[in-house]
Amino acid sequence: MPGRARSSEPGFREAYREWLDRVNPIIARHQYGRGGPVILYNAENEYQVNTDAAYMQDIQDRARAAGIDVPITTNDCCDAGSWSSTWATGPGAVQIPGVDDYPQSFACDTPGEWGP
């Protein structure tokens, strides 16, 4: 697929828009205000490298156009102590910025071991 992943470059934009246009109406039908379990819409996950505000804004605009009216969120990774959200203000900003933090720590290459 042409175009950088997680960007508004044309090739990737066409792919994610096709997917969102199929998934968003399903999510919209299952929102809390309509008797379903969906309370938030996560626009992206751990998206802090090579960020593209137009991409983030387009995801949210497509969600709203599909009838999704729950708050939109995202989570930035990885260290809550030094966290400053890319998506808290400005173009592409979400309503509820979140943070990804694991107080007990972990490493994917050693799933049986936990940190302090």
PDB file of N, CA and C in Angstrom:
ATOM      1  N   MET A   1       0.855  -1.158   0.000  1.00  0.00           N
ATOM      2  CA  MET A   1       0.000   0.000   0.000  1.00  0.00           C
ATOM      3  C   MET A   1       0.909   1.230   0.000  1.00  0.00           C
ATOM      4  N   PRO A   2       0.702   2.150  -0.917  1.00  0.00           N
ATOM      5  CA  PRO A   2       1.510   3.365  -0.920  1.00  0.00           C
ATOM      6  C   PRO A   2       1.096   4.286   0.222  1.00  0.00           C
ATOM      7  N   GLY A   3       2.030   5.102   0.671  1.00  0.00           N
ATOM      8  CA  GLY A   3       1.738   6.051   1.745  1.00  0.00           C
ATOM      9  C   GLY A   3       2.203   5.530   3.085  1.00  0.00           C
ATOM     10  N   ARG A   4       2.734   6.450   3.885  1.00  0.00           N
ATOM     11  CA  ARG A   4       3.237   6.098   5.217  1.00  0.00           C
ATOM     12  C   ARG A   4       2.069   5.740   6.129  1.00  0.00           C
ATOM     13  N   ALA A   5       2.215   4.636   6.842  1.00  0.00           N
ATOM     14  CA  ALA A   5       1.188   4.210   7.793  1.00  0.00           C
ATOM     15  C   ALA A   5       0.967   5.287   8.844  1.00  0.00           C
ATOM     16  N   ARG A   6      -0.259   5.357   9.319  1.00  0.00           N
ATOM     17  CA  ARG A   6      -0.650   6.309  10.350  1.00  0.00           C
ATOM     18  C   ARG A   6      -0.371   7.746   9.908  1.00  0.00           C
ATOM     19  N   SER A   7      -0.781   8.030   8.678  1.00  0.00           N
ATOM     20  CA  SER A   7      -0.592   9.375   8.135  1.00  0.00           C
ATOM     21  C   SER A   7      -1.745   9.718   7.203  1.00  0.00           C
ATOM     22  N   SER A   8      -1.758  10.962   6.767  1.00  0.00           N
ATOM     23  CA  SER A   8      -2.776  11.396   5.815  1.00  0.00           C
ATOM     24  C   SER A   8      -2.297  11.268   4.375  1.00  0.00           C
ATOM     25  N   GLU A   9      -1.179  10.563   4.161  1.00  0.00           N
ATOM     26  CA  GLU A   9      -0.708  10.340   2.797  1.00  0.00           C
ATOM     27  C   GLU A   9      -1.764   9.536   2.035  1.00  0.00           C
ATOM     28  N   PRO A  10      -1.985   9.874   0.752  1.00  0.00           N
ATOM     29  CA  PRO A  10      -3.132   9.331  -0.001  1.00  0.00           C
ATOM     30  C   PRO A  10      -3.328   7.817   0.054  1.00  0.00           C
ATOM     31  N   GLY A  11      -2.311   7.026  -0.149  1.00  0.00           N
ATOM     32  CA  GLY A  11      -2.513   5.575  -0.161  1.00  0.00           C
ATOM     33  C   GLY A  11      -3.018   5.044   1.158  1.00  0.00           C
ATOM     34  N   PHE A  12      -2.422   5.505   2.244  1.00  0.00           N
ATOM     35  CA  PHE A  12      -2.861   5.044   3.556  1.00  0.00           C
ATOM     36  C   PHE A  12      -4.221   5.636   3.898  1.00  0.00           C
ATOM     37  N   ARG A  13      -4.446   6.896   3.551  1.00  0.00           N
ATOM     38  CA  ARG A  13      -5.732   7.539   3.831  1.00  0.00           C
ATOM     39  C   ARG A  13      -6.882   6.761   3.199  1.00  0.00           C
ATOM     40  N   GLU A  14      -6.722   6.324   1.971  1.00  0.00           N
ATOM     41  CA  GLU A  14      -7.779   5.545   1.308  1.00  0.00           C
ATOM     42  C   GLU A  14      -8.067   4.263   2.074  1.00  0.00           C
ATOM     43  N   ALA A  15      -7.011   3.604   2.547  1.00  0.00           N
ATOM     44  CA  ALA A  15      -7.191   2.341   3.268  1.00  0.00           C
ATOM     45  C   ALA A  15      -7.881   2.549   4.607  1.00  0.00           C
ATOM     46  N   TYR A  16      -7.422   3.512   5.405  1.00  0.00           N
ATOM     47  CA  TYR A  16      -8.049   3.672   6.717  1.00  0.00           C
ATOM     48  C   TYR A  16      -9.462   4.218   6.596  1.00  0.00           C
ATOM     49  N   ARG A  17      -9.705   5.070   5.600  1.00  0.00           N
ATOM     50  CA  ARG A  17     -11.067   5.575   5.413  1.00  0.00           C
ATOM     51  C   ARG A  17     -12.042   4.450   5.049  1.00  0.00           C
ATOM     52  N   GLU A  18     -11.612   3.548   4.192  1.00  0.00           N
ATOM     53  CA  GLU A  18     -12.478   2.419   3.839  1.00  0.00           C
ATOM     54  C   GLU A  18     -12.825   1.605   5.076  1.00  0.00           C
ATOM     55  N   TRP A  19     -11.814   1.339   5.904  1.00  0.00           N
ATOM     56  CA  TRP A  19     -12.034   0.561   7.127  1.00  0.00           C
ATOM     57  C   TRP A  19     -12.950   1.316   8.087  1.00  0.00           C
ATOM     58  N   LEU A  20     -12.667   2.603   8.336  1.00  0.00           N
ATOM     59  CA  LEU A  20     -13.493   3.383   9.254  1.00  0.00           C
ATOM     60  C   LEU A  20     -14.931   3.492   8.762  1.00  0.00           C
ATOM     61  N   ASP A  21     -15.106   3.641   7.455  1.00  0.00           N
ATOM     62  CA  ASP A  21     -16.453   3.765   6.910  1.00  0.00           C
ATOM     63  C   ASP A  21     -17.276   2.495   7.097  1.00  0.00           C
ATOM     64  N   ARG A  22     -16.628   1.375   7.314  1.00  0.00           N
ATOM     65  CA  ARG A  22     -17.344   0.123   7.599  1.00  0.00           C
ATOM     66  C   ARG A  22     -17.546  -0.096   9.102  1.00  0.00           C
ATOM     67  N   VAL A  23     -16.557   0.311   9.890  1.00  0.00           N
ATOM     68  CA  VAL A  23     -16.595   0.052  11.323  1.00  0.00           C
ATOM     69  C   VAL A  23     -17.368   1.116  12.101  1.00  0.00           C
ATOM     70  N   ASN A  24     -17.198   2.376  11.728  1.00  0.00           N
ATOM     71  CA  ASN A  24     -17.829   3.453  12.499  1.00  0.00           C
ATOM     72  C   ASN A  24     -19.346   3.337  12.611  1.00  0.00           C
ATOM     73  N   PRO A  25     -20.079   2.976  11.566  1.00  0.00           N
ATOM     74  CA  PRO A  25     -21.535   2.837  11.741  1.00  0.00           C
ATOM     75  C   PRO A  25     -21.913   1.751  12.759  1.00  0.00           C
ATOM     76  N   ILE A  26     -21.110   0.720  12.834  1.00  0.00           N
ATOM     77  CA  ILE A  26     -21.366  -0.341  13.826  1.00  0.00           C
ATOM     78  C   ILE A  26     -21.134   0.208  15.231  1.00  0.00           C
ATOM     79  N   ILE A  27     -20.035   0.915  15.395  1.00  0.00           N
ATOM     80  CA  ILE A  27     -19.744   1.522  16.703  1.00  0.00           C
ATOM     81  C   ILE A  27     -20.852   2.502  17.075  1.00  0.00           C
ATOM     82  N   ALA A  28     -21.275   3.326  16.122  1.00  0.00           N
ATOM     83  CA  ALA A  28     -22.321   4.326  16.389  1.00  0.00           C
ATOM     84  C   ALA A  28     -23.588   3.674  16.924  1.00  0.00           C
ATOM     85  N   ARG A  29     -23.968   2.540  16.380  1.00  0.00           N
ATOM     86  CA  ARG A  29     -25.184   1.848  16.827  1.00  0.00           C
ATOM     87  C   ARG A  29     -25.066   1.306  18.251  1.00  0.00           C
ATOM     88  N   HIS A  30     -23.837   1.122  18.721  1.00  0.00           N
ATOM     89  CA  HIS A  30     -23.632   0.487  20.022  1.00  0.00           C
ATOM     90  C   HIS A  30     -23.143   1.455  21.100  1.00  0.00           C
ATOM     91  N   GLN A  31     -23.376   2.737  20.902  1.00  0.00           N
ATOM     92  CA  GLN A  31     -22.969   3.722  21.899  1.00  0.00           C
ATOM     93  C   GLN A  31     -23.872   3.666  23.130  1.00  0.00           C
ATOM     94  N   TYR A  32     -23.316   4.101  24.224  1.00  0.00           N
ATOM     95  CA  TYR A  32     -24.028   4.083  25.506  1.00  0.00           C
ATOM     96  C   TYR A  32     -25.372   4.806  25.426  1.00  0.00           C
ATOM     97  N   GLY A  33     -25.399   5.946  24.781  1.00  0.00           N
ATOM     98  CA  GLY A  33     -26.635   6.725  24.674  1.00  0.00           C
ATOM     99  C   GLY A  33     -27.716   6.050  23.852  1.00  0.00           C
ATOM    100  N   ARG A  34     -27.346   4.969  23.170  1.00  0.00           N
ATOM    101  CA  ARG A  34     -28.311   4.212  22.362  1.00  0.00           C
ATOM    102  C   ARG A  34     -28.514   2.803  22.923  1.00  0.00           C
ATOM    103  N   GLY A  35     -28.119   2.638  24.194  1.00  0.00           N
ATOM    104  CA  GLY A  35     -28.331   1.365  24.871  1.00  0.00           C
ATOM    105  C   GLY A  35     -27.182   0.381  24.763  1.00  0.00           C
ATOM    106  N   GLY A  36     -26.077   0.801  24.159  1.00  0.00           N
ATOM    107  CA  GLY A  36     -24.930  -0.093  23.998  1.00  0.00           C
ATOM    108  C   GLY A  36     -23.839   0.164  25.023  1.00  0.00           C
ATOM    109  N   PRO A  37     -22.738  -0.575  24.913  1.00  0.00           N
ATOM    110  CA  PRO A  37     -21.668  -0.463  25.890  1.00  0.00           C
ATOM    111  C   PRO A  37     -20.566   0.554  25.552  1.00  0.00           C
ATOM    112  N   VAL A  38     -20.588   1.164  24.365  1.00  0.00           N
ATOM    113  CA  VAL A  38     -19.486   2.041  23.950  1.00  0.00           C
ATOM    114  C   VAL A  38     -19.593   3.388  24.658  1.00  0.00           C
ATOM    115  N   ILE A  39     -18.576   3.708  25.468  1.00  0.00           N
ATOM    116  CA  ILE A  39     -18.572   4.971  26.207  1.00  0.00           C
ATOM    117  C   ILE A  39     -17.514   5.948  25.696  1.00  0.00           C
ATOM    118  N   LEU A  40     -16.526   5.472  24.953  1.00  0.00           N
ATOM    119  CA  LEU A  40     -15.456   6.301  24.392  1.00  0.00           C
ATOM    120  C   LEU A  40     -15.092   5.786  23.013  1.00  0.00           C
ATOM    121  N   TYR A  41     -14.510   6.665  22.209  1.00  0.00           N
ATOM    122  CA  TYR A  41     -13.998   6.290  20.892  1.00  0.00           C
ATOM    123  C   TYR A  41     -12.504   6.581  20.913  1.00  0.00           C
ATOM    124  N   ASN A  42     -11.690   5.543  20.791  1.00  0.00           N
ATOM    125  CA  ASN A  42     -10.236   5.704  20.815  1.00  0.00           C
ATOM    126  C   ASN A  42      -9.749   5.963  19.391  1.00  0.00           C
ATOM    127  N   ALA A  43      -9.386   7.208  19.098  1.00  0.00           N
ATOM    128  CA  ALA A  43      -8.990   7.582  17.743  1.00  0.00           C
ATOM    129  C   ALA A  43      -7.675   6.924  17.324  1.00  0.00           C
ATOM    130  N   GLU A  44      -6.759   6.781  18.233  1.00  0.00           N
ATOM    131  CA  GLU A  44      -5.449   6.173  17.953  1.00  0.00           C
ATOM    132  C   GLU A  44      -4.905   5.614  19.248  1.00  0.00           C
ATOM    133  N   ASN A  45      -3.852   4.839  19.149  1.00  0.00           N
ATOM    134  CA  ASN A  45      -3.272   4.190  20.316  1.00  0.00           C
ATOM    135  C   ASN A  45      -1.758   4.321  20.271  1.00  0.00           C
ATOM    136  N   GLU A  46      -1.194   4.930  21.314  1.00  0.00           N
ATOM    137  CA  GLU A  46       0.260   5.093  21.424  1.00  0.00           C
ATOM    138  C   GLU A  46       0.847   5.716  20.164  1.00  0.00           C
ATOM    139  N   TYR A  47       0.262   6.810  19.743  1.00  0.00           N
ATOM    140  CA  TYR A  47       0.651   7.475  18.504  1.00  0.00           C
ATOM    141  C   TYR A  47       1.401   8.757  18.831  1.00  0.00           C
ATOM    142  N   GLN A  48       2.724   8.673  18.912  1.00  0.00           N
ATOM    143  CA  GLN A  48       3.531   9.839  19.232  1.00  0.00           C
ATOM    144  C   GLN A  48       4.727  10.005  18.303  1.00  0.00           C
ATOM    145  N   VAL A  49       4.983   9.093  17.400  1.00  0.00           N
ATOM    146  CA  VAL A  49       6.138   9.186  16.507  1.00  0.00           C
ATOM    147  C   VAL A  49       5.633   9.492  15.102  1.00  0.00           C
ATOM    148  N   ASN A  50       6.279  10.428  14.412  1.00  0.00           N
ATOM    149  CA  ASN A  50       5.873  10.827  13.055  1.00  0.00           C
ATOM    150  C   ASN A  50       4.406  11.203  12.999  1.00  0.00           C
ATOM    151  N   THR A  51       3.956  11.965  13.968  1.00  0.00           N
ATOM    152  CA  THR A  51       2.538  12.284  14.072  1.00  0.00           C
ATOM    153  C   THR A  51       2.070  13.184  12.932  1.00  0.00           C
ATOM    154  N   ASP A  52       0.794  13.092  12.635  1.00  0.00           N
ATOM    155  CA  ASP A  52       0.165  13.791  11.519  1.00  0.00           C
ATOM    156  C   ASP A  52      -1.192  14.296  12.012  1.00  0.00           C
ATOM    157  N   ALA A  53      -1.264  15.597  12.306  1.00  0.00           N
ATOM    158  CA  ALA A  53      -2.491  16.171  12.858  1.00  0.00           C
ATOM    159  C   ALA A  53      -3.673  16.042  11.898  1.00  0.00           C
ATOM    160  N   ALA A  54      -3.423  16.141  10.594  1.00  0.00           N
ATOM    161  CA  ALA A  54      -4.512  15.996   9.618  1.00  0.00           C
ATOM    162  C   ALA A  54      -5.109  14.596   9.691  1.00  0.00           C
ATOM    163  N   TYR A  55      -4.260  13.605   9.890  1.00  0.00           N
ATOM    164  CA  TYR A  55      -4.711  12.216  10.042  1.00  0.00           C
ATOM    165  C   TYR A  55      -5.594  12.074  11.283  1.00  0.00           C
ATOM    166  N   MET A  56      -5.111  12.605  12.415  1.00  0.00           N
ATOM    167  CA  MET A  56      -5.890  12.505  13.649  1.00  0.00           C
ATOM    168  C   MET A  56      -7.228  13.228  13.523  1.00  0.00           C
ATOM    169  N   GLN A  57      -7.218  14.391  12.895  1.00  0.00           N
ATOM    170  CA  GLN A  57      -8.453  15.138  12.745  1.00  0.00           C
ATOM    171  C   GLN A  57      -9.422  14.416  11.813  1.00  0.00           C
ATOM    172  N   ASP A  58      -8.901  13.832  10.743  1.00  0.00           N
ATOM    173  CA  ASP A  58      -9.753  13.117   9.792  1.00  0.00           C
ATOM    174  C   ASP A  58     -10.427  11.914  10.447  1.00  0.00           C
ATOM    175  N   ILE A  59      -9.691  11.186  11.272  1.00  0.00           N
ATOM    176  CA  ILE A  59     -10.287  10.045  11.987  1.00  0.00           C
ATOM    177  C   ILE A  59     -11.479  10.525  12.815  1.00  0.00           C
ATOM    178  N   GLN A  60     -11.293  11.620  13.530  1.00  0.00           N
ATOM    179  CA  GLN A  60     -12.358  12.138  14.387  1.00  0.00           C
ATOM    180  C   GLN A  60     -13.533  12.677  13.573  1.00  0.00           C
ATOM    181  N   ASP A  61     -13.230  13.380  12.496  1.00  0.00           N
ATOM    182  CA  ASP A  61     -14.290  13.902  11.643  1.00  0.00           C
ATOM    183  C   ASP A  61     -15.134  12.773  11.050  1.00  0.00           C
ATOM    184  N   ARG A  62     -14.490  11.691  10.665  1.00  0.00           N
ATOM    185  CA  ARG A  62     -15.217  10.554  10.092  1.00  0.00           C
ATOM    186  C   ARG A  62     -16.080   9.885  11.161  1.00  0.00           C
ATOM    187  N   ALA A  63     -15.575   9.824  12.383  1.00  0.00           N
ATOM    188  CA  ALA A  63     -16.363   9.256  13.481  1.00  0.00           C
ATOM    189  C   ALA A  63     -17.620  10.092  13.716  1.00  0.00           C
ATOM    190  N   ARG A  64     -17.455  11.391  13.794  1.00  0.00           N
ATOM    191  CA  ARG A  64     -18.605  12.279  14.022  1.00  0.00           C
ATOM    192  C   ARG A  64     -19.599  12.189  12.868  1.00  0.00           C
ATOM    193  N   ALA A  65     -19.097  12.137  11.634  1.00  0.00           N
ATOM    194  CA  ALA A  65     -19.973  12.040  10.464  1.00  0.00           C
ATOM    195  C   ALA A  65     -20.777  10.747  10.466  1.00  0.00           C
ATOM    196  N   ALA A  66     -20.231   9.698  11.088  1.00  0.00           N
ATOM    197  CA  ALA A  66     -20.930   8.414  11.165  1.00  0.00           C
ATOM    198  C   ALA A  66     -21.915   8.367  12.329  1.00  0.00           C
ATOM    199  N   GLY A  67     -22.021   9.453  13.094  1.00  0.00           N
ATOM    200  CA  GLY A  67     -22.971   9.495  14.199  1.00  0.00           C
ATOM    201  C   GLY A  67     -22.384   9.140  15.546  1.00  0.00           C
ATOM    202  N   ILE A  68     -21.077   9.038  15.628  1.00  0.00           N
ATOM    203  CA  ILE A  68     -20.439   8.751  16.917  1.00  0.00           C
ATOM    204  C   ILE A  68     -20.387  10.052  17.704  1.00  0.00           C
ATOM    205  N   ASP A  69     -21.008  10.049  18.881  1.00  0.00           N
ATOM    206  CA  ASP A  69     -21.050  11.271  19.674  1.00  0.00           C
ATOM    207  C   ASP A  69     -20.480  11.112  21.080  1.00  0.00           C
ATOM    208  N   VAL A  70     -19.954   9.940  21.398  1.00  0.00           N
ATOM    209  CA  VAL A  70     -19.271   9.769  22.684  1.00  0.00           C
ATOM    210  C   VAL A  70     -17.952  10.537  22.649  1.00  0.00           C
ATOM    211  N   PRO A  71     -17.356  10.822  23.809  1.00  0.00           N
ATOM    212  CA  PRO A  71     -16.067  11.515  23.807  1.00  0.00           C
ATOM    213  C   PRO A  71     -14.996  10.728  23.042  1.00  0.00           C
ATOM    214  N   ILE A  72     -14.131  11.467  22.375  1.00  0.00           N
ATOM    215  CA  ILE A  72     -13.026  10.852  21.637  1.00  0.00           C
ATOM    216  C   ILE A  72     -11.767  10.963  22.483  1.00  0.00           C
ATOM    217  N   THR A  73     -11.032   9.857  22.532  1.00  0.00           N
ATOM    218  CA  THR A  73      -9.822   9.780  23.346  1.00  0.00           C
ATOM    219  C   THR A  73      -8.687   9.183  22.528  1.00  0.00           C
ATOM    220  N   THR A  74      -7.519   9.175  23.114  1.00  0.00           N
ATOM    221  CA  THR A  74      -6.360   8.449  22.606  1.00  0.00           C
ATOM    222  C   THR A  74      -5.474   8.195  23.808  1.00  0.00           C
ATOM    223  N   ASN A  75      -4.522   7.320  23.681  1.00  0.00           N
ATOM    224  CA  ASN A  75      -3.576   7.178  24.787  1.00  0.00           C
ATOM    225  C   ASN A  75      -2.164   7.285  24.249  1.00  0.00           C
ATOM    226  N   ASP A  76      -1.410   8.130  24.919  1.00  0.00           N
ATOM    227  CA  ASP A  76       0.002   8.278  24.607  1.00  0.00           C
ATOM    228  C   ASP A  76       0.761   7.302  25.486  1.00  0.00           C
ATOM    229  N   CYS A  77       1.806   6.726  24.938  1.00  0.00           N
ATOM    230  CA  CYS A  77       2.590   5.818  25.753  1.00  0.00           C
ATOM    231  C   CYS A  77       3.731   6.591  26.367  1.00  0.00           C
ATOM    232  N   CYS A  78       4.383   6.246  27.156  1.00  0.00           N
ATOM    233  CA  CYS A  78       4.630   5.070  27.926  1.00  0.00           C
ATOM    234  C   CYS A  78       4.954   5.453  29.355  1.00  0.00           C
ATOM    235  N   ASP A  79       5.425   6.677  29.606  1.00  0.00           N
ATOM    236  CA  ASP A  79       5.867   7.065  30.936  1.00  0.00           C
ATOM    237  C   ASP A  79       5.013   8.219  31.439  1.00  0.00           C
ATOM    238  N   ALA A  80       4.120   7.934  32.366  1.00  0.00           N
ATOM    239  CA  ALA A  80       3.203   8.957  32.867  1.00  0.00           C
ATOM    240  C   ALA A  80       3.953  10.107  33.534  1.00  0.00           C
ATOM    241  N   GLY A  81       5.109   9.827  34.108  1.00  0.00           N
ATOM    242  CA  GLY A  81       5.861  10.864  34.809  1.00  0.00           C
ATOM    243  C   GLY A  81       6.367  11.958  33.887  1.00  0.00           C
ATOM    244  N   SER A  82       6.695  11.613  32.654  1.00  0.00           N
ATOM    245  CA  SER A  82       7.225  12.620  31.727  1.00  0.00           C
ATOM    246  C   SER A  82       6.255  12.893  30.590  1.00  0.00           C
ATOM    247  N   TRP A  83       5.005  12.522  30.757  1.00  0.00           N
ATOM    248  CA  TRP A  83       4.019  12.596  29.695  1.00  0.00           C
ATOM    249  C   TRP A  83       3.582  14.021  29.404  1.00  0.00           C
ATOM    250  N   SER A  84       3.573  14.364  28.145  1.00  0.00           N
ATOM    251  CA  SER A  84       2.928  15.593  27.674  1.00  0.00           C
ATOM    252  C   SER A  84       2.268  15.214  26.357  1.00  0.00           C
ATOM    253  N   SER A  85       0.956  15.256  26.341  1.00  0.00           N
ATOM    254  CA  SER A  85       0.211  14.719  25.213  1.00  0.00           C
ATOM    255  C   SER A  85       0.385  15.532  23.942  1.00  0.00           C
ATOM    256  N   THR A  86       0.636  14.852  22.856  1.00  0.00           N
ATOM    257  CA  THR A  86       0.657  15.463  21.546  1.00  0.00           C
ATOM    258  C   THR A  86      -0.757  15.868  21.158  1.00  0.00           C
ATOM    259  N   TRP A  87      -1.744  15.205  21.697  1.00  0.00           N
ATOM    260  CA  TRP A  87      -3.127  15.386  21.242  1.00  0.00           C
ATOM    261  C   TRP A  87      -4.019  16.078  22.258  1.00  0.00           C
ATOM    262  N   ALA A  88      -3.433  16.822  23.196  1.00  0.00           N
ATOM    263  CA  ALA A  88      -4.225  17.533  24.188  1.00  0.00           C
ATOM    264  C   ALA A  88      -4.738  18.870  23.655  1.00  0.00           C
ATOM    265  N   THR A  89      -4.000  19.488  22.732  1.00  0.00           N
ATOM    266  CA  THR A  89      -4.392  20.782  22.176  1.00  0.00           C
ATOM    267  C   THR A  89      -4.001  20.836  20.706  1.00  0.00           C
ATOM    268  N   GLY A  90      -4.568  21.786  20.010  1.00  0.00           N
ATOM    269  CA  GLY A  90      -4.195  21.998  18.617  1.00  0.00           C
ATOM    270  C   GLY A  90      -4.938  21.087  17.651  1.00  0.00           C
ATOM    271  N   PRO A  91      -4.554  21.136  16.375  1.00  0.00           N
ATOM    272  CA  PRO A  91      -5.211  20.300  15.357  1.00  0.00           C
ATOM    273  C   PRO A  91      -5.106  18.817  15.711  1.00  0.00           C
ATOM    274  N   GLY A  92      -6.208  18.120  15.589  1.00  0.00           N
ATOM    275  CA  GLY A  92      -6.234  16.694  15.898  1.00  0.00           C
ATOM    276  C   GLY A  92      -6.437  16.381  17.368  1.00  0.00           C
ATOM    277  N   ALA A  93      -6.591  17.429  18.206  1.00  0.00           N
ATOM    278  CA  ALA A  93      -6.745  17.212  19.649  1.00  0.00           C
ATOM    279  C   ALA A  93      -8.000  16.399  19.948  1.00  0.00           C
ATOM    280  N   VAL A  94      -7.896  15.533  20.932  1.00  0.00           N
ATOM    281  CA  VAL A  94      -9.027  14.715  21.363  1.00  0.00           C
ATOM    282  C   VAL A  94      -9.686  15.358  22.581  1.00  0.00           C
ATOM    283  N   GLN A  95     -10.890  14.910  22.907  1.00  0.00           N
ATOM    284  CA  GLN A  95     -11.598  15.455  24.063  1.00  0.00           C
ATOM    285  C   GLN A  95     -11.000  14.986  25.384  1.00  0.00           C
ATOM    286  N   ILE A  96     -10.537  13.745  25.412  1.00  0.00           N
ATOM    287  CA  ILE A  96      -9.982  13.192  26.645  1.00  0.00           C
ATOM    288  C   ILE A  96      -8.633  12.545  26.331  1.00  0.00           C
ATOM    289  N   PRO A  97      -7.534  13.295  26.473  1.00  0.00           N
ATOM    290  CA  PRO A  97      -6.225  12.669  26.270  1.00  0.00           C
ATOM    291  C   PRO A  97      -5.957  11.670  27.394  1.00  0.00           C
ATOM    292  N   GLY A  98      -5.330  10.576  27.052  1.00  0.00           N
ATOM    293  CA  GLY A  98      -5.032   9.556  28.043  1.00  0.00           C
ATOM    294  C   GLY A  98      -3.559   9.224  28.049  1.00  0.00           C
ATOM    295  N   VAL A  99      -3.167   8.440  29.032  1.00  0.00           N
ATOM    296  CA  VAL A  99      -1.771   8.024  29.129  1.00  0.00           C
ATOM    297  C   VAL A  99      -1.723   6.534  29.399  1.00  0.00           C
ATOM    298  N   ASP A 100      -0.724   5.921  28.863  1.00  0.00           N
ATOM    299  CA  ASP A 100      -0.497   4.494  29.016  1.00  0.00           C
ATOM    300  C   ASP A 100       0.623   4.333  30.035  1.00  0.00           C
ATOM    301  N   ASP A 101       0.362   3.691  31.152  1.00  0.00           N
ATOM    302  CA  ASP A 101       1.382   3.536  32.186  1.00  0.00           C
ATOM    303  C   ASP A 101       1.177   2.194  32.880  1.00  0.00           C
ATOM    304  N   TYR A 102       2.253   1.525  33.141  1.00  0.00           N
ATOM    305  CA  TYR A 102       2.228   0.216  33.790  1.00  0.00           C
ATOM    306  C   TYR A 102       3.059   0.295  35.065  1.00  0.00           C
ATOM    307  N   PRO A 103       2.441   0.597  36.190  1.00  0.00           N
ATOM    308  CA  PRO A 103       3.204   0.804  37.422  1.00  0.00           C
ATOM    309  C   PRO A 103       4.007  -0.413  37.863  1.00  0.00           C
ATOM    310  N   GLN A 104       3.579  -1.609  37.489  1.00  0.00           N
ATOM    311  CA  GLN A 104       4.339  -2.799  37.848  1.00  0.00           C
ATOM    312  C   GLN A 104       5.362  -3.153  36.783  1.00  0.00           C
ATOM    313  N   SER A 105       5.334  -2.430  35.674  1.00  0.00           N
ATOM    314  CA  SER A 105       6.267  -2.616  34.569  1.00  0.00           C
ATOM    315  C   SER A 105       6.072  -3.979  33.912  1.00  0.00           C
ATOM    316  N   PHE A 106       6.632  -4.130  32.735  1.00  0.00           N
ATOM    317  CA  PHE A 106       6.663  -5.407  32.051  1.00  0.00           C
ATOM    318  C   PHE A 106       7.532  -5.267  30.813  1.00  0.00           C
ATOM    319  N   ALA A 107       7.959  -6.385  30.301  1.00  0.00           N
ATOM    320  CA  ALA A 107       8.725  -6.410  29.056  1.00  0.00           C
ATOM    321  C   ALA A 107       8.149  -7.532  28.197  1.00  0.00           C
ATOM    322  N   CYS A 108       7.803  -7.216  26.975  1.00  0.00           N
ATOM    323  CA  CYS A 108       7.174  -8.200  26.105  1.00  0.00           C
ATOM    324  C   CYS A 108       8.072  -9.403  25.842  1.00  0.00           C
ATOM    325  N   ASP A 109       9.380  -9.202  25.876  1.00  0.00           N
ATOM    326  CA  ASP A 109      10.292 -10.316  25.603  1.00  0.00           C
ATOM    327  C   ASP A 109      10.464 -11.241  26.803  1.00  0.00           C
ATOM    328  N   THR A 110       9.976 -10.838  27.975  1.00  0.00           N
ATOM    329  CA  THR A 110      10.012 -11.690  29.176  1.00  0.00           C
ATOM    330  C   THR A 110       8.656 -11.624  29.873  1.00  0.00           C
ATOM    331  N   PRO A 111       7.617 -12.218  29.276  1.00  0.00           N
ATOM    332  CA  PRO A 111       6.266 -12.055  29.808  1.00  0.00           C
ATOM    333  C   PRO A 111       6.052 -12.662  31.184  1.00  0.00           C
ATOM    334  N   GLY A 112       6.906 -13.546  31.613  1.00  0.00           N
ATOM    335  CA  GLY A 112       6.758 -14.147  32.938  1.00  0.00           C
ATOM    336  C   GLY A 112       7.367 -13.319  34.047  1.00  0.00           C
ATOM    337  N   GLU A 113       8.040 -12.247  33.717  1.00  0.00           N
ATOM    338  CA  GLU A 113       8.712 -11.422  34.719  1.00  0.00           C
ATOM    339  C   GLU A 113       8.025 -10.068  34.843  1.00  0.00           C
ATOM    340  N   TRP A 114       7.864  -9.619  36.062  1.00  0.00           N
ATOM    341  CA  TRP A 114       7.293  -8.309  36.336  1.00  0.00           C
ATOM    342  C   TRP A 114       8.332  -7.457  37.017  1.00  0.00           C
ATOM    343  N   GLY A 115       8.269  -6.166  36.763  1.00  0.00           N
ATOM    344  CA  GLY A 115       9.216  -5.231  37.373  1.00  0.00           C
ATOM    345  C   GLY A 115       8.863  -4.914  38.798  1.00  0.00           C
ATOM    346  N   PRO A 116       9.605  -4.004  39.387  1.00  0.00           N
ATOM    347  CA  PRO A 116       9.362  -3.633  40.792  1.00  0.00           C
ATOM    348  C   PRO A 116       8.044  -2.937  40.974  1.00  0.00           C
TER     349      PRO A 116
END
